[in-house]
Amino acid sequence: MEKYKNISNFEELIELEHGKIGSESRNKYEEGAQMFIISEMLKSARKEAKMTQEQLAEKAGTKKSYISKIENGKGNIQLSTLIRIFEQGLNRRIGLTFL
């Protein structure tokens, strides 16, 4: 707990635990965090649409196993496929922000 006594915000905590932005450890953490966010957004949108993974996969032109991997935060997502899943499969627009 001693190493946390001077931490005053979340960014400092992340830097302490995973290193500075651009470091290998931080990049891996950030990638995992983004994957988690995408997986939760997809799961939520699919459930809101009252669709099964199989139904979504069929509508988006992919496989149920691929939808499952994304929803479980595993696998490598191609941007074009992710866009197709949201736009064709769920009739939702996807927006990207680069910081």
Protein backbone atom coordinates (compact mmCIF):
# COMPACT_ATOMS: atom_id res chain seq x y z
CA MET A 1 0.00 0.00 0.00
CA GLU A 2 2.99 2.29 0.49
CA LYS A 3 3.50 2.63 -3.27
CA TYR A 4 -0.05 4.00 -3.65
CA LYS A 5 0.10 6.73 -0.99
CA ASN A 6 0.97 9.54 -3.42
CA ILE A 7 -1.53 8.50 -6.11
CA SER A 8 -4.17 11.20 -6.61
CA ASN A 9 -5.94 10.16 -9.82
CA PHE A 10 -6.67 7.21 -12.07
CA GLU A 11 -4.06 8.14 -14.69
CA GLU A 12 -1.31 8.06 -12.04
CA LEU A 13 -2.52 4.65 -10.88
CA ILE A 14 -2.49 3.25 -14.41
CA GLU A 15 0.99 4.68 -15.01
CA LEU A 16 2.25 3.15 -11.77
CA GLU A 17 0.78 -0.26 -12.60
CA HIS A 18 1.36 -0.37 -16.38
CA GLY A 19 4.00 2.21 -17.20
CA LYS A 20 4.02 5.37 -19.26
CA ILE A 21 2.04 5.78 -22.47
CA GLY A 22 3.96 4.14 -25.28
CA SER A 23 5.64 1.49 -23.15
CA GLU A 24 5.05 -2.15 -24.09
CA SER A 25 3.26 -2.88 -20.81
CA ARG A 26 0.99 0.16 -21.16
CA ASN A 27 0.19 -0.61 -24.78
CA LYS A 28 -0.84 -4.14 -23.82
CA TYR A 29 -3.03 -2.80 -21.00
CA GLU A 30 -4.67 -0.20 -23.26
CA GLU A 31 -5.36 -2.81 -25.95
CA GLY A 32 -7.02 -5.07 -23.39
CA ALA A 33 -9.08 -2.20 -22.01
CA GLN A 34 -10.31 -1.23 -25.48
CA MET A 35 -11.13 -4.84 -26.29
CA PHE A 36 -13.18 -5.07 -23.08
CA ILE A 37 -15.12 -1.93 -23.99
CA ILE A 38 -15.86 -3.20 -27.51
CA SER A 39 -16.94 -6.59 -26.18
CA GLU A 40 -19.34 -5.03 -23.68
CA MET A 41 -20.77 -2.64 -26.28
CA LEU A 42 -21.41 -5.50 -28.70
CA LYS A 43 -22.99 -7.69 -26.04
CA SER A 44 -25.23 -4.87 -24.89
CA ALA A 45 -26.31 -3.88 -28.41
CA ARG A 46 -27.03 -7.50 -29.35
CA LYS A 47 -29.11 -8.10 -26.24
CA GLU A 48 -30.97 -4.82 -26.76
CA ALA A 49 -31.79 -6.02 -30.29
CA LYS A 50 -33.02 -9.30 -28.73
CA MET A 51 -30.74 -11.34 -30.96
CA THR A 52 -28.72 -14.45 -30.30
CA GLN A 53 -25.08 -14.62 -31.29
CA GLU A 54 -26.09 -16.98 -34.08
CA GLN A 55 -28.73 -14.59 -35.43
CA LEU A 56 -26.29 -11.69 -35.35
CA ALA A 57 -23.60 -13.69 -37.08
CA GLU A 58 -25.97 -14.73 -39.85
CA LYS A 59 -27.19 -11.18 -40.39
CA ALA A 60 -23.64 -9.77 -40.37
CA GLY A 61 -22.18 -12.49 -42.59
CA THR A 62 -19.82 -13.99 -40.04
CA LYS A 63 -19.73 -16.97 -37.70
CA LYS A 64 -21.26 -17.38 -34.25
CA SER A 65 -17.84 -18.36 -32.91
CA TYR A 66 -16.44 -15.00 -34.09
CA ILE A 67 -19.22 -13.07 -32.31
CA SER A 68 -18.56 -15.14 -29.19
CA LYS A 69 -14.83 -14.42 -29.30
CA ILE A 70 -15.44 -10.69 -29.58
CA GLU A 71 -18.00 -10.71 -26.77
CA ASN A 72 -15.53 -12.59 -24.57
CA GLY A 73 -12.71 -10.16 -25.31
CA LYS A 74 -10.68 -12.72 -27.21
CA GLY A 75 -9.52 -12.85 -30.78
CA ASN A 76 -8.29 -10.29 -33.21
CA ILE A 77 -10.96 -8.02 -34.62
CA GLN A 78 -10.71 -6.59 -38.11
CA LEU A 79 -12.18 -3.11 -38.22
CA SER A 80 -14.13 -3.85 -41.41
CA THR A 81 -15.76 -6.87 -39.76
CA LEU A 82 -16.58 -4.94 -36.59
CA ILE A 83 -18.22 -2.22 -38.65
CA ARG A 84 -20.20 -4.83 -40.61
CA ILE A 85 -21.37 -6.50 -37.39
CA PHE A 86 -22.65 -3.22 -35.94
CA GLU A 87 -24.00 -1.68 -39.15
CA GLN A 88 -25.43 -4.67 -41.02
CA GLY A 89 -26.06 -6.95 -38.08
CA LEU A 90 -27.40 -4.45 -35.56
CA ASN A 91 -28.35 -1.48 -37.76
CA ARG A 92 -26.10 0.79 -35.71
CA ARG A 93 -23.49 3.30 -36.80
CA ILE A 94 -19.99 3.05 -35.44
CA GLY A 95 -17.79 6.07 -34.72
CA LEU A 96 -14.08 6.21 -34.04
CA THR A 97 -12.12 8.77 -32.10
CA PHE A 98 -8.36 9.05 -32.27
CA LEU A 99 -6.66 10.79 -29.37
